[in-house]
Structure formats: C-alpha cells, structure tokens
N, C-alpha and C. Protein backbone atom coordinates (compact mmCIF):
# COMPACT_ATOMS: atom_id res chain seq x y z
N MET A 1 92.79 31.80 38.10
CA MET A 1 92.63 33.19 37.86
C MET A 1 92.09 33.42 36.45
N SER A 2 91.18 34.38 36.31
CA SER A 2 90.58 34.67 35.02
C SER A 2 91.52 35.50 34.16
N GLN A 3 91.50 35.26 32.88
CA GLN A 3 92.37 35.98 31.96
C GLN A 3 91.64 37.11 31.25
N GLY A 4 90.47 37.52 31.72
CA GLY A 4 89.75 38.62 31.13
C GLY A 4 88.81 38.23 30.01
N HIS A 5 88.57 36.93 29.82
CA HIS A 5 87.64 36.51 28.77
C HIS A 5 86.21 36.65 29.28
N PRO A 6 85.31 37.22 28.47
CA PRO A 6 83.92 37.33 28.92
C PRO A 6 83.24 35.97 28.91
N ILE A 7 82.25 35.85 29.76
CA ILE A 7 81.47 34.62 29.82
C ILE A 7 80.38 34.72 28.76
N VAL A 8 80.39 33.79 27.84
CA VAL A 8 79.43 33.79 26.74
C VAL A 8 78.52 32.58 26.91
N PRO A 9 77.18 32.77 26.87
CA PRO A 9 76.29 31.62 26.99
C PRO A 9 76.42 30.71 25.78
N ALA A 10 76.16 29.45 26.01
CA ALA A 10 76.25 28.47 24.93
C ALA A 10 75.16 28.74 23.90
N PRO A 11 75.45 28.64 22.61
CA PRO A 11 74.43 28.86 21.58
C PRO A 11 73.36 27.78 21.64
N THR A 12 72.16 28.15 21.22
CA THR A 12 71.05 27.20 21.17
C THR A 12 71.22 26.34 19.93
N PRO A 13 71.09 25.02 20.07
CA PRO A 13 71.21 24.16 18.88
C PRO A 13 70.13 24.49 17.86
N ARG A 14 70.46 24.27 16.59
CA ARG A 14 69.49 24.54 15.53
C ARG A 14 68.29 23.62 15.66
N GLY A 15 67.14 24.20 15.39
CA GLY A 15 65.91 23.42 15.42
C GLY A 15 65.25 23.38 16.79
N SER A 16 65.94 23.83 17.83
CA SER A 16 65.31 23.84 19.15
C SER A 16 64.88 25.26 19.47
N GLU A 17 63.88 25.37 20.30
CA GLU A 17 63.33 26.66 20.66
C GLU A 17 63.79 27.04 22.06
N PRO A 18 63.89 28.32 22.36
CA PRO A 18 64.24 28.71 23.72
C PRO A 18 63.17 28.25 24.70
N ALA A 19 63.52 28.24 25.98
CA ALA A 19 62.63 27.70 27.01
C ALA A 19 61.34 28.52 27.14
N GLY A 20 61.41 29.85 27.11
CA GLY A 20 60.23 30.68 27.31
C GLY A 20 59.78 31.34 26.03
N PRO A 21 58.56 31.89 26.05
CA PRO A 21 58.09 32.59 24.85
C PRO A 21 58.84 33.90 24.67
N ASN A 22 59.09 34.23 23.43
CA ASN A 22 59.77 35.48 23.10
C ASN A 22 58.70 36.53 22.82
N PRO A 23 58.61 37.60 23.63
CA PRO A 23 57.55 38.59 23.41
C PRO A 23 57.75 39.40 22.14
N ALA A 24 58.94 39.38 21.56
CA ALA A 24 59.18 40.14 20.33
C ALA A 24 58.60 39.44 19.11
N GLU A 25 58.38 38.14 19.19
CA GLU A 25 57.84 37.39 18.06
C GLU A 25 56.33 37.23 18.20
N PRO A 26 55.56 37.38 17.10
CA PRO A 26 54.12 37.22 17.19
C PRO A 26 53.73 35.76 17.41
N ARG A 27 52.64 35.58 18.13
CA ARG A 27 52.13 34.23 18.36
C ARG A 27 51.07 33.92 17.31
N LEU A 28 50.96 32.66 16.93
CA LEU A 28 49.90 32.22 16.03
C LEU A 28 48.70 31.82 16.88
N VAL A 29 47.58 32.46 16.62
CA VAL A 29 46.36 32.20 17.38
C VAL A 29 45.32 31.66 16.41
N PRO A 30 44.63 30.58 16.78
CA PRO A 30 43.58 30.06 15.91
C PRO A 30 42.51 31.12 15.66
N PRO A 31 41.89 31.11 14.46
CA PRO A 31 40.91 32.16 14.12
C PRO A 31 39.76 32.28 15.11
N GLY A 32 39.32 31.20 15.73
CA GLY A 32 38.20 31.28 16.66
C GLY A 32 38.56 31.96 17.96
N GLN A 33 39.83 32.06 18.29
CA GLN A 33 40.25 32.65 19.56
C GLN A 33 40.76 34.07 19.40
N ARG A 34 40.72 34.61 18.22
CA ARG A 34 41.20 35.98 18.00
C ARG A 34 40.18 36.97 18.53
N SER A 35 40.68 38.06 19.11
CA SER A 35 39.77 39.11 19.57
C SER A 35 39.53 40.10 18.44
N ALA A 36 38.46 40.86 18.56
CA ALA A 36 38.12 41.83 17.51
C ALA A 36 39.09 43.01 17.52
N VAL A 37 39.66 43.33 18.67
CA VAL A 37 40.57 44.46 18.78
C VAL A 37 41.98 43.92 18.95
N PRO A 38 42.92 44.34 18.10
CA PRO A 38 44.29 43.86 18.25
C PRO A 38 44.91 44.41 19.53
N PRO A 39 45.86 43.69 20.13
CA PRO A 39 46.49 44.17 21.36
C PRO A 39 47.38 45.36 21.07
N PRO A 40 47.63 46.20 22.08
CA PRO A 40 48.52 47.35 21.85
C PRO A 40 49.94 46.90 21.59
N ALA A 41 50.68 47.70 20.85
CA ALA A 41 52.06 47.37 20.52
C ALA A 41 52.93 47.46 21.77
N ALA A 42 54.08 46.83 21.72
CA ALA A 42 54.98 46.82 22.87
C ALA A 42 55.51 48.22 23.18
N THR A 43 55.57 49.07 22.18
CA THR A 43 56.10 50.42 22.39
C THR A 43 55.06 51.37 22.96
N GLY A 44 53.80 50.99 22.96
CA GLY A 44 52.76 51.85 23.50
C GLY A 44 52.28 52.90 22.54
N THR A 45 52.56 52.76 21.24
CA THR A 45 52.15 53.77 20.27
C THR A 45 50.83 53.45 19.61
N TRP A 46 50.22 52.34 19.95
CA TRP A 46 48.97 51.94 19.32
C TRP A 46 47.85 52.81 19.82
N VAL A 47 47.00 53.28 18.92
CA VAL A 47 45.90 54.15 19.28
C VAL A 47 44.61 53.47 18.89
N ALA A 48 43.69 53.41 19.82
CA ALA A 48 42.40 52.79 19.56
C ALA A 48 41.40 53.85 19.13
N GLY A 49 40.35 53.41 18.48
CA GLY A 49 39.27 54.32 18.14
C GLY A 49 39.36 54.88 16.74
N PRO A 50 38.65 55.99 16.50
CA PRO A 50 38.58 56.54 15.14
C PRO A 50 39.89 57.14 14.66
N GLU A 51 40.85 57.42 15.56
CA GLU A 51 42.12 57.99 15.11
C GLU A 51 42.93 56.98 14.30
N ARG A 52 42.66 55.72 14.45
CA ARG A 52 43.43 54.67 13.78
C ARG A 52 42.77 54.25 12.46
N ARG A 53 41.73 54.93 12.05
CA ARG A 53 40.99 54.52 10.86
C ARG A 53 41.82 54.78 9.61
N GLY A 54 41.86 53.81 8.73
CA GLY A 54 42.58 53.96 7.48
C GLY A 54 41.68 53.62 6.32
N GLY A 55 42.20 53.71 5.14
CA GLY A 55 41.42 53.35 3.97
C GLY A 55 40.87 54.56 3.26
N LEU A 56 39.94 54.31 2.36
CA LEU A 56 39.36 55.35 1.54
C LEU A 56 38.08 55.87 2.17
N THR A 57 38.12 57.08 2.67
CA THR A 57 36.93 57.69 3.27
C THR A 57 36.13 58.38 2.16
N PRO A 58 34.89 58.73 2.42
CA PRO A 58 34.10 59.43 1.39
C PRO A 58 34.73 60.74 0.94
N ILE A 59 35.35 61.46 1.87
CA ILE A 59 35.98 62.74 1.49
C ILE A 59 37.19 62.51 0.60
N SER A 60 38.03 61.53 0.97
CA SER A 60 39.21 61.28 0.14
C SER A 60 38.81 60.71 -1.22
N LEU A 61 37.74 59.92 -1.27
CA LEU A 61 37.24 59.42 -2.56
C LEU A 61 36.78 60.58 -3.44
N PHE A 62 36.04 61.52 -2.86
CA PHE A 62 35.57 62.68 -3.62
C PHE A 62 36.74 63.51 -4.12
N LEU A 63 37.73 63.76 -3.26
CA LEU A 63 38.88 64.55 -3.68
C LEU A 63 39.68 63.85 -4.78
N THR A 64 39.81 62.54 -4.68
CA THR A 64 40.52 61.79 -5.71
C THR A 64 39.80 61.87 -7.04
N LEU A 65 38.49 61.69 -7.02
CA LEU A 65 37.71 61.78 -8.26
C LEU A 65 37.74 63.19 -8.84
N LEU A 66 37.71 64.21 -7.97
CA LEU A 66 37.76 65.58 -8.44
C LEU A 66 39.10 65.89 -9.11
N VAL A 67 40.18 65.45 -8.50
CA VAL A 67 41.51 65.67 -9.10
C VAL A 67 41.63 64.94 -10.43
N ALA A 68 41.12 63.70 -10.51
CA ALA A 68 41.16 62.96 -11.77
C ALA A 68 40.34 63.67 -12.85
N TYR A 69 39.17 64.18 -12.49
CA TYR A 69 38.32 64.87 -13.46
C TYR A 69 39.01 66.13 -13.98
N VAL A 70 39.61 66.91 -13.07
CA VAL A 70 40.30 68.13 -13.49
C VAL A 70 41.48 67.79 -14.39
N ALA A 71 42.23 66.74 -14.05
CA ALA A 71 43.38 66.35 -14.87
C ALA A 71 42.93 65.94 -16.27
N ILE A 72 41.84 65.21 -16.37
CA ILE A 72 41.34 64.79 -17.70
C ILE A 72 40.87 65.99 -18.50
N GLU A 73 40.19 66.93 -17.84
CA GLU A 73 39.72 68.13 -18.54
C GLU A 73 40.89 68.98 -19.03
N VAL A 74 41.91 69.13 -18.22
CA VAL A 74 43.09 69.90 -18.63
C VAL A 74 43.77 69.21 -19.80
N GLN A 75 43.87 67.89 -19.73
CA GLN A 75 44.49 67.14 -20.82
C GLN A 75 43.69 67.33 -22.11
N LEU A 76 42.36 67.29 -22.03
CA LEU A 76 41.52 67.48 -23.21
C LEU A 76 41.70 68.87 -23.80
N VAL A 77 41.75 69.89 -22.95
CA VAL A 77 41.94 71.26 -23.44
C VAL A 77 43.30 71.41 -24.11
N LEU A 78 44.34 70.83 -23.51
CA LEU A 78 45.67 70.92 -24.12
C LEU A 78 45.71 70.24 -25.48
N ILE A 79 45.06 69.10 -25.61
CA ILE A 79 45.03 68.39 -26.90
C ILE A 79 44.29 69.23 -27.94
N LEU A 80 43.17 69.83 -27.54
CA LEU A 80 42.42 70.67 -28.49
C LEU A 80 43.22 71.90 -28.91
N VAL A 81 43.96 72.51 -27.98
CA VAL A 81 44.78 73.67 -28.31
C VAL A 81 45.90 73.27 -29.27
N LEU A 82 46.55 72.15 -29.00
CA LEU A 82 47.61 71.69 -29.91
C LEU A 82 47.07 71.36 -31.29
N MET A 83 45.91 70.73 -31.36
CA MET A 83 45.32 70.43 -32.67
C MET A 83 44.95 71.72 -33.40
N ALA A 84 44.45 72.72 -32.67
CA ALA A 84 44.11 74.00 -33.30
C ALA A 84 45.36 74.67 -33.85
N LEU A 85 46.45 74.62 -33.11
CA LEU A 85 47.70 75.22 -33.61
C LEU A 85 48.21 74.51 -34.85
N VAL A 86 48.14 73.20 -34.84
CA VAL A 86 48.62 72.44 -36.01
C VAL A 86 47.77 72.72 -37.22
N LEU A 87 46.46 72.72 -37.04
CA LEU A 87 45.55 72.95 -38.19
C LEU A 87 45.62 74.42 -38.65
N ALA A 88 45.83 75.35 -37.73
CA ALA A 88 45.88 76.76 -38.13
C ALA A 88 47.16 77.08 -38.89
N THR A 89 48.25 76.44 -38.56
CA THR A 89 49.51 76.72 -39.24
C THR A 89 49.73 75.84 -40.47
N ALA A 90 48.91 74.83 -40.64
CA ALA A 90 49.09 73.93 -41.78
C ALA A 90 48.58 74.53 -43.08
N ILE A 91 47.72 75.51 -43.01
CA ILE A 91 47.12 76.07 -44.22
C ILE A 91 47.94 77.18 -44.78
C-alpha cells in the first residue's frame, strides 16, 4: 500500500544530456546553414517585415542632432548671460 509519497523521476546525472532536444534551449547552427530570416519565437510574438526594424533611422538621427544642437545653443546663451552678469556687477 502506498503511503502518499509522490513519484519523483530520477535526476539526470551530471554531464549527461536528456534523450531529446529541449525546444526551450537554442541550437547552435553552423554559419553556412543559417537562414536570412530568424525563426518565429515560441510565444508567437515575433513580427516579420518593416515593423521589426530597429536602429537609427534618418528621422531619429535628424531629431537627435536637432536636440543636441538646441542643447548646445541654450548652454552657450546661458554661459554668455552668466558672464554678462558677472562682468556687469564687478565694476
């Protein structure tokens, strides 16, 4: 008669691999056999096409440069105003 103990599978010895491939772990594929398009994720959230594009686009580059230019100009104006105040009150 069973005493209520659960049946637990035997642990895998260290250094040995399970019998089948584990789909949760990535496989190593030689560079010549890789496809140009990565496979979809297991969760189904992978999106193909232009929606998945990342990196620096021309618009984001322009906006970044514009913000940097404005920040430098504001910094220059603030420095000139502070220097004018110091020189005006020093006399």
